[in-house]
Amino acid sequence: MGLFDFAEKFLRAIFGFLVERWALPLAVLCALLSGCHSSEAGKRPVIEFTEVPPAAEGGRDRVATISGRVLGATAGERVVVYARSGPWWVQPWPEKPFITIQSDSTWTTPTHLGYDYAALLVTPGYDPPPTMDSTPAEGRNVVAVAISKGVGTLPPNPTKLLRFSGYDWKVRMTPADRGGLNNLYDADNAWTDASGALHMRIAKRSDRWTCAQLVLSQSLGYGTYTFVVRDTSHLQPAAVLSMHTFDGWGADEHYREMDIEVSRWGDATSKPNAQYAIQPFYVPGDVARFVEPSGTLTHILRWEYGTANFTTTRGSSVGRGATVVSHHVFTSGVPTPGQERVELMLYVVASDKSPLRRNAEVVIEKFGYLP
């Protein structure tokens, strides 16, 4: 007979006598009897880290691996990870928050970097919010929580400053995943000429394509954004020119991304070679494709509350006499302002049928903003 069984039998005998003799309340008896199993019932699941990324400011392209293990999990429970960079952000993406616990009780996932990390053991009924202002805690389908500061630190990504159209821009110098490829970025691929026009280039160096990306140094918010672009009809199918807003802290609003993009996305047979988009792009109605003609064009985004109004016209004029090439208005899922920046990118997408074969260059004559 086990120790717990013996103790339970002994207590039942003693308290049976007491109840019969002095009518000890049954509730008290049950509470005392349940104490025989308190050491077993007290076992709680535990989640812990085995690998923690460095502490660093987050961003779409700053990714590392985070791992751990769970002790005492029950069937159906999973892991959810958050990283704190400003608020707490669910990892790796709001659309893919759940991490499966492996048969050996371990778990692992990519995560965007943050200053602190939280791992949650959750029940099947848990619905993880994209962001949280307060530190994650147990309760409401959260069974266990582990919190850790980042291990070590990373310096900010290096950039080079470039002045264009009266604004300061940060030119990317580090690799990033984009378009199904790990694109290299070289600061030499972005420069301004004597007229003040911005040149962006894709160039091969050491058998790898290097691309160009510029990020505006300030957030502008609601208003009218104008991009005057010289002829891009020469762009190869695997090249992409993207002029968009992006907020690396704005996962709850799909990073506040609104796009004007010129590309055939690797398909040489595609007739549309340009598009307007808001994110997420996979939602029906969030992408409007069109055929962009040759010659200088002006692309305009008028961003107001609940409205993203896109227009493309011929030439560099934005007046009433300009010939409209394409126009589309988004009224659903339009973000509100946050910490978004304008980004200008020229990069390469993966394409087996029409891979990039030669250098590419585009010229943006002017960027303008009116509140």
Protein backbone atom coordinates (compact mmCIF):
# COMPACT_ATOMS: atom_id res chain seq x y z
CA MET A 1 0.00 0.00 0.00
CA GLY A 2 1.40 3.42 -0.98
CA LEU A 3 2.00 6.17 1.50
CA PHE A 4 -0.82 8.35 0.16
CA ASP A 5 -3.28 5.44 0.13
CA PHE A 6 -2.39 4.53 3.72
CA ALA A 7 -2.76 8.13 4.90
CA GLU A 8 -6.10 8.49 3.15
CA LYS A 9 -7.44 5.26 4.65
CA PHE A 10 -6.28 6.27 8.11
CA LEU A 11 -7.86 9.75 7.89
CA ARG A 12 -11.10 8.34 6.55
CA ALA A 13 -11.33 6.07 9.56
CA ILE A 14 -10.57 8.84 12.07
CA PHE A 15 -12.83 11.43 10.55
CA GLY A 16 -15.59 8.93 9.94
CA PHE A 17 -15.65 8.41 13.65
CA LEU A 18 -15.63 12.19 14.31
CA VAL A 19 -18.46 12.86 11.86
CA GLU A 20 -20.54 10.12 13.38
CA ARG A 21 -19.83 11.27 16.92
CA TRP A 22 -19.76 15.02 16.69
CA ALA A 23 -21.28 15.69 13.24
CA LEU A 24 -18.15 17.35 11.83
CA PRO A 25 -19.27 19.25 8.69
CA LEU A 26 -18.84 17.21 5.56
CA ALA A 27 -17.25 20.13 3.74
CA VAL A 28 -14.45 20.30 6.31
CA LEU A 29 -13.92 16.57 6.00
CA CYS A 30 -13.62 16.78 2.22
CA ALA A 31 -11.18 19.67 2.44
CA LEU A 32 -8.98 17.75 4.85
CA LEU A 33 -9.09 14.60 2.75
CA SER A 34 -8.16 16.49 -0.39
CA GLY A 35 -4.97 17.57 1.34
CA CYS A 36 -3.70 14.02 0.95
CA HIS A 37 -3.26 14.70 -2.75
CA SER A 38 -2.03 18.29 -2.46
CA SER A 39 1.50 17.45 -3.53
CA GLU A 40 0.18 15.86 -6.73
CA ALA A 41 -2.38 18.59 -7.51
CA GLY A 42 0.27 21.26 -6.87
CA LYS A 43 2.27 20.25 -9.90
CA ARG A 44 1.92 23.11 -12.38
CA PRO A 45 3.16 23.22 -15.98
CA VAL A 46 6.38 25.13 -16.52
CA ILE A 47 7.66 26.87 -19.66
CA GLU A 48 11.28 27.94 -19.96
CA PHE A 49 13.84 29.24 -22.46
CA THR A 50 16.86 27.35 -23.77
CA GLU A 51 17.90 29.94 -26.39
CA VAL A 52 17.20 33.69 -26.19
CA PRO A 53 18.11 36.25 -28.91
CA PRO A 54 20.01 39.48 -28.23
CA ALA A 55 18.34 42.61 -26.92
CA ALA A 56 17.86 45.01 -29.83
CA GLU A 57 15.34 47.33 -31.43
CA GLY A 58 12.88 45.33 -33.49
CA GLY A 59 12.06 45.57 -37.16
CA ARG A 60 10.73 43.47 -40.00
CA ASP A 61 14.20 42.33 -41.09
CA ARG A 62 15.82 41.74 -37.70
CA VAL A 63 15.07 38.08 -37.01
CA ALA A 64 16.64 35.40 -34.78
CA THR A 65 15.71 32.02 -33.28
CA ILE A 66 14.15 31.61 -29.84
CA SER A 67 13.71 28.17 -28.24
CA GLY A 68 12.64 26.48 -25.04
CA ARG A 69 10.84 23.55 -23.46
CA VAL A 70 7.64 22.86 -21.56
CA LEU A 71 7.18 20.58 -18.56
CA GLY A 72 3.73 19.25 -17.74
CA ALA A 73 1.81 20.44 -20.80
CA THR A 74 -1.48 18.73 -21.63
CA ALA A 75 -2.90 17.76 -25.02
CA GLY A 76 -3.83 20.71 -27.23
CA GLU A 77 -1.71 23.30 -25.45
CA ARG A 78 0.68 25.37 -27.54
CA VAL A 79 3.28 28.12 -27.15
CA VAL A 80 2.91 31.79 -28.09
CA VAL A 81 5.94 34.10 -28.10
CA TYR A 82 6.03 37.89 -27.70
CA ALA A 83 8.96 40.29 -28.14
CA ARG A 84 8.99 43.76 -26.57
CA SER A 85 10.15 46.60 -28.79
CA GLY A 86 7.95 49.45 -27.67
CA PRO A 87 4.81 47.33 -27.05
CA TRP A 88 4.88 43.53 -26.90
CA TRP A 89 4.51 42.04 -30.41
CA VAL A 90 3.32 38.50 -31.11
CA GLN A 91 5.90 36.43 -33.02
CA PRO A 92 6.81 35.73 -35.71
CA TRP A 93 3.67 37.23 -37.34
CA PRO A 94 0.11 37.94 -36.18
CA GLU A 95 -1.14 35.44 -38.79
CA LYS A 96 1.08 32.64 -37.38
CA PRO A 97 1.18 33.02 -33.59
CA PHE A 98 1.00 29.38 -32.45
CA ILE A 99 4.09 27.20 -31.91
CA THR A 100 3.74 23.43 -31.63
CA ILE A 101 5.31 21.62 -28.69
CA GLN A 102 7.43 18.75 -30.02
CA SER A 103 7.32 15.17 -28.72
CA ASP A 104 10.46 15.83 -26.65
CA SER A 105 8.71 18.82 -24.98
CA THR A 106 10.80 21.41 -26.86
CA TRP A 107 9.64 24.33 -28.99
CA THR A 108 11.39 26.77 -31.33
CA THR A 109 10.42 29.62 -33.65
CA PRO A 110 11.85 32.60 -35.54
CA THR A 111 11.24 35.89 -33.76
CA HIS A 112 11.78 39.52 -34.57
CA LEU A 113 14.19 41.08 -32.13
CA GLY A 114 13.17 42.95 -29.00
CA TYR A 115 14.55 44.05 -25.66
CA ASP A 116 12.57 41.42 -23.72
CA TYR A 117 10.93 38.12 -24.68
CA ALA A 118 7.90 36.28 -23.29
CA ALA A 119 6.88 32.65 -23.88
CA LEU A 120 3.27 31.70 -23.05
CA LEU A 121 1.85 28.20 -22.65
CA VAL A 122 -1.77 28.56 -23.78
CA THR A 123 -4.89 26.43 -24.05
CA PRO A 124 -6.73 25.83 -27.35
CA GLY A 125 -9.17 28.67 -26.55
CA TYR A 126 -6.50 31.39 -26.41
CA ASP A 127 -6.76 34.17 -28.99
CA PRO A 128 -3.43 36.06 -28.94
CA PRO A 129 -3.65 39.83 -29.51
CA PRO A 130 -1.16 41.20 -32.07
CA THR A 131 0.23 43.63 -29.50
CA MET A 132 0.09 44.19 -25.73
CA ASP A 133 1.06 47.26 -23.74
CA SER A 134 1.48 45.35 -20.47
CA THR A 135 3.74 42.39 -19.73
CA PRO A 136 2.04 39.03 -20.51
CA ALA A 137 0.75 37.22 -17.44
CA GLU A 138 -1.06 34.01 -16.50
CA GLY A 139 -4.86 33.85 -16.66
CA ARG A 140 -7.62 33.61 -19.28
CA ASN A 141 -6.26 30.56 -21.12
CA VAL A 142 -2.62 31.41 -20.38
CA VAL A 143 -1.37 28.49 -18.28
CA ALA A 144 2.26 29.49 -17.75
CA VAL A 145 4.55 32.38 -18.67
CA ALA A 146 8.33 32.80 -18.89
CA ILE A 147 9.95 36.24 -19.29
CA SER A 148 13.58 36.88 -20.24
CA LYS A 149 15.66 39.88 -21.18
CA GLY A 150 17.60 39.62 -24.42
CA VAL A 151 20.97 37.95 -24.05
CA GLY A 152 23.61 40.48 -25.13
CA THR A 153 22.96 43.46 -27.39
CA LEU A 154 23.20 44.35 -31.06
CA PRO A 155 24.07 47.77 -32.50
CA PRO A 156 21.59 49.51 -34.80
CA ASN A 157 21.79 48.58 -38.46
CA PRO A 158 24.30 50.85 -40.22
CA THR A 159 22.91 53.32 -42.74
CA LYS A 160 24.16 56.18 -44.91
CA LEU A 161 22.33 59.51 -45.04
CA LEU A 162 21.27 60.95 -48.41
CA ARG A 163 19.53 64.26 -49.07
CA PHE A 164 16.77 64.10 -51.69
CA SER A 165 13.89 66.49 -52.47
CA GLY A 166 14.55 68.46 -49.28
CA TYR A 167 14.37 65.43 -46.98
CA ASP A 168 16.94 63.24 -45.25
CA TRP A 169 16.84 59.55 -46.18
CA LYS A 170 18.61 56.58 -44.62
CA VAL A 171 20.16 54.27 -47.22
CA ARG A 172 20.15 50.59 -46.29
CA MET A 173 23.48 48.74 -46.10
CA THR A 174 22.51 45.32 -44.69
CA PRO A 175 20.77 42.26 -46.26
CA ALA A 176 17.05 41.58 -45.94
CA ASP A 177 14.57 38.94 -47.08
CA ARG A 178 12.31 40.27 -49.81
CA GLY A 179 10.48 38.73 -52.74
CA GLY A 180 11.53 35.17 -51.91
CA LEU A 181 15.24 36.08 -51.89
CA ASN A 182 17.77 37.31 -49.38
CA ASN A 183 18.59 40.60 -51.09
CA LEU A 184 21.87 42.41 -50.51
CA TYR A 185 21.76 46.20 -50.20
CA ASP A 186 24.61 48.52 -51.10
CA ALA A 187 24.70 52.21 -50.24
CA ASP A 188 26.49 52.86 -53.55
CA ASN A 189 23.27 51.89 -55.36
CA ALA A 190 21.55 55.15 -54.38
CA TRP A 191 22.74 58.67 -55.28
CA THR A 192 21.52 62.04 -56.53
CA ASP A 193 22.71 63.75 -59.69
CA ALA A 194 23.43 67.43 -60.43
CA SER A 195 19.72 68.10 -61.02
CA GLY A 196 18.77 66.60 -57.64
CA ALA A 197 17.11 63.50 -59.10
CA LEU A 198 17.49 60.23 -57.20
CA HIS A 199 19.06 57.24 -58.96
CA MET A 200 18.45 53.73 -57.63
CA ARG A 201 20.27 50.75 -59.05
CA ILE A 202 20.44 46.95 -58.97
CA ALA A 203 24.00 45.86 -59.70
CA LYS A 204 25.85 42.54 -59.57
CA ARG A 205 28.83 42.34 -57.25
CA SER A 206 30.74 39.12 -56.50
CA ASP A 207 28.09 37.11 -58.38
CA ARG A 208 25.27 38.49 -56.22
CA TRP A 209 22.67 41.11 -57.04
CA THR A 210 22.79 44.14 -54.78
CA CYS A 211 19.73 46.37 -54.40
CA ALA A 212 18.73 49.82 -53.13
CA GLN A 213 16.48 50.95 -50.28
CA LEU A 214 15.94 54.39 -48.77
CA VAL A 215 13.85 55.19 -45.68
CA LEU A 216 12.60 58.69 -44.93
CA SER A 217 14.00 59.91 -41.60
CA GLN A 218 10.67 61.29 -40.38
CA SER A 219 7.01 60.29 -40.23
CA LEU A 220 4.60 62.54 -42.15
CA GLY A 221 1.13 61.09 -41.45
CA TYR A 222 -2.04 62.01 -43.34
CA GLY A 223 -1.52 64.04 -46.51
CA THR A 224 -0.62 63.85 -50.18
CA TYR A 225 2.51 61.95 -51.27
CA THR A 226 3.86 62.52 -54.79
CA PHE A 227 6.53 60.58 -56.70
CA VAL A 228 7.69 61.72 -60.15
CA VAL A 229 9.38 58.75 -61.87
CA ARG A 230 11.12 58.59 -65.23
CA ASP A 231 10.33 55.82 -67.72
CA THR A 232 10.30 52.37 -66.06
CA SER A 233 9.07 50.38 -69.07
CA HIS A 234 12.57 48.91 -69.36
CA LEU A 235 12.36 47.11 -66.00
CA GLN A 236 12.92 43.37 -66.23
CA PRO A 237 10.11 41.08 -64.94
CA ALA A 238 12.08 40.15 -61.80
CA ALA A 239 12.80 43.75 -60.78
CA VAL A 240 10.52 45.68 -58.42
CA LEU A 241 10.27 49.42 -57.83
CA SER A 242 8.29 50.01 -54.63
CA MET A 243 7.26 53.37 -53.15
CA HIS A 244 5.36 52.76 -49.92
CA THR A 245 4.72 53.63 -46.30
CA PHE A 246 5.88 51.23 -43.60
CA ASP A 247 5.80 51.19 -39.78
CA GLY A 248 8.02 48.53 -38.21
CA TRP A 249 6.15 49.03 -34.90
CA GLY A 250 2.69 48.76 -36.45
CA ALA A 251 1.91 45.04 -36.63
CA ASP A 252 -1.61 45.70 -35.32
CA GLU A 253 -2.31 47.72 -38.49
CA HIS A 254 -0.33 45.49 -40.87
CA TYR A 255 2.68 47.77 -40.52
CA ARG A 256 0.72 50.68 -42.01
CA GLU A 257 1.93 49.64 -45.43
CA MET A 258 0.42 51.28 -48.51
CA ASP A 259 2.16 50.59 -51.82
CA ILE A 260 2.76 51.94 -55.30
CA GLU A 261 4.70 49.17 -57.03
CA VAL A 262 6.03 48.73 -60.56
CA SER A 263 6.76 45.10 -61.45
CA ARG A 264 5.62 41.99 -63.29
CA TRP A 265 6.66 39.96 -60.22
CA GLY A 266 8.82 37.57 -62.25
CA ASP A 267 6.15 36.80 -64.89
CA ALA A 268 7.18 38.08 -68.33
CA THR A 269 3.72 37.31 -69.73
CA SER A 270 1.86 39.53 -67.28
CA LYS A 271 0.24 42.54 -68.94
CA PRO A 272 -0.33 44.55 -65.74
CA ASN A 273 3.06 45.87 -64.70
CA ALA A 274 2.05 48.08 -61.77
CA GLN A 275 -0.27 48.05 -58.78
CA TYR A 276 -1.63 49.95 -55.81
CA ALA A 277 -2.02 47.99 -52.58
CA ILE A 278 -2.79 48.18 -48.90
CA GLN A 279 -1.94 45.36 -46.55
CA PRO A 280 -2.61 42.55 -46.07
CA PHE A 281 -2.33 42.00 -49.84
CA TYR A 282 -4.12 38.62 -49.69
CA VAL A 283 -7.43 40.18 -48.64
CA PRO A 284 -9.74 40.49 -51.68
CA GLY A 285 -9.86 44.07 -52.86
CA ASP A 286 -6.57 45.12 -51.25
CA VAL A 287 -4.64 45.12 -54.57
CA ALA A 288 -5.51 47.06 -57.74
CA ARG A 289 -3.29 46.18 -60.73
CA PHE A 290 -2.99 48.27 -63.88
CA VAL A 291 -0.90 48.73 -67.04
CA GLU A 292 1.67 51.48 -66.73
CA PRO A 293 2.75 53.09 -70.02
CA SER A 294 6.22 54.28 -70.96
CA GLY A 295 7.44 57.78 -70.26
CA THR A 296 7.66 59.94 -67.16
CA LEU A 297 4.79 59.36 -64.72
CA THR A 298 3.57 60.95 -61.50
CA HIS A 299 2.24 58.65 -58.78
CA ILE A 300 0.10 60.18 -56.05
CA LEU A 301 -1.20 58.83 -52.75
CA ARG A 302 -3.75 60.98 -50.92
CA TRP A 303 -4.07 59.51 -47.41
CA GLU A 304 -6.97 60.62 -45.24
CA TYR A 305 -8.95 59.05 -42.42
CA GLY A 306 -10.50 55.86 -43.82
CA THR A 307 -9.33 56.57 -47.38
CA ALA A 308 -6.22 55.78 -49.46
CA ASN A 309 -6.68 57.50 -52.83
CA PHE A 310 -4.14 56.50 -55.52
CA THR A 311 -3.67 58.20 -58.91
CA THR A 312 -1.09 57.88 -61.69
CA THR A 313 -0.81 60.55 -64.38
CA ARG A 314 1.37 61.11 -67.43
CA GLY A 315 4.27 63.54 -67.17
CA SER A 316 5.52 65.43 -64.15
CA SER A 317 2.48 67.66 -63.76
CA VAL A 318 -0.16 67.08 -61.10
CA GLY A 319 -2.53 69.78 -62.28
CA ARG A 320 -6.05 69.35 -63.65
CA GLY A 321 -4.83 68.99 -67.20
CA ALA A 322 -2.74 65.90 -66.46
CA THR A 323 -3.78 62.71 -68.27
CA VAL A 324 -4.88 60.06 -65.79
CA VAL A 325 -3.37 56.61 -66.37
CA SER A 326 -4.94 54.84 -63.37
CA HIS A 327 -6.98 55.69 -60.30
CA HIS A 328 -8.18 53.64 -57.35
CA VAL A 329 -9.59 54.40 -53.89
CA PHE A 330 -9.36 52.02 -50.91
CA THR A 331 -11.93 52.62 -48.16
CA SER A 332 -11.59 49.41 -46.13
CA GLY A 333 -8.62 48.46 -43.96
CA VAL A 334 -6.90 51.82 -44.41
CA PRO A 335 -4.46 52.41 -41.52
CA THR A 336 -4.30 55.41 -39.24
CA PRO A 337 -0.98 57.26 -38.75
CA GLY A 338 1.66 55.92 -36.38
CA GLN A 339 5.41 55.79 -36.84
CA GLU A 340 5.32 54.97 -40.55
CA ARG A 341 8.04 56.17 -42.90
CA VAL A 342 8.12 56.45 -46.68
CA GLU A 343 10.38 53.78 -48.21
CA LEU A 344 11.81 53.70 -51.73
CA MET A 345 13.04 50.31 -52.91
CA LEU A 346 14.48 48.71 -56.03
CA TYR A 347 14.96 44.98 -55.49
CA VAL A 348 14.82 41.50 -57.05
CA VAL A 349 12.16 38.79 -56.72
CA ALA A 350 12.74 35.08 -57.23
CA SER A 351 11.78 33.89 -60.73
CA ASP A 352 12.71 30.61 -62.42
CA LYS A 353 11.17 31.62 -65.76
CA SER A 354 12.45 35.18 -65.97
CA PRO A 355 15.39 35.70 -63.61
CA LEU A 356 17.18 39.03 -63.55
CA ARG A 357 19.87 39.05 -66.28
CA ARG A 358 21.38 42.54 -66.22
CA ASN A 359 21.75 45.63 -64.07
CA ALA A 360 18.69 47.84 -63.58
CA GLU A 361 18.28 51.51 -62.76
CA VAL A 362 15.37 53.87 -62.12
CA VAL A 363 15.29 57.62 -61.61
CA ILE A 364 12.88 59.37 -59.25
CA GLU A 365 12.92 63.04 -60.21
CA LYS A 366 11.04 64.32 -57.20
CA PHE A 367 9.30 63.37 -53.99
CA GLY A 368 6.73 65.75 -52.54
CA TYR A 369 4.43 65.92 -49.53
CA LEU A 370 1.55 68.23 -48.65
CA PRO A 371 -0.40 67.85 -45.38
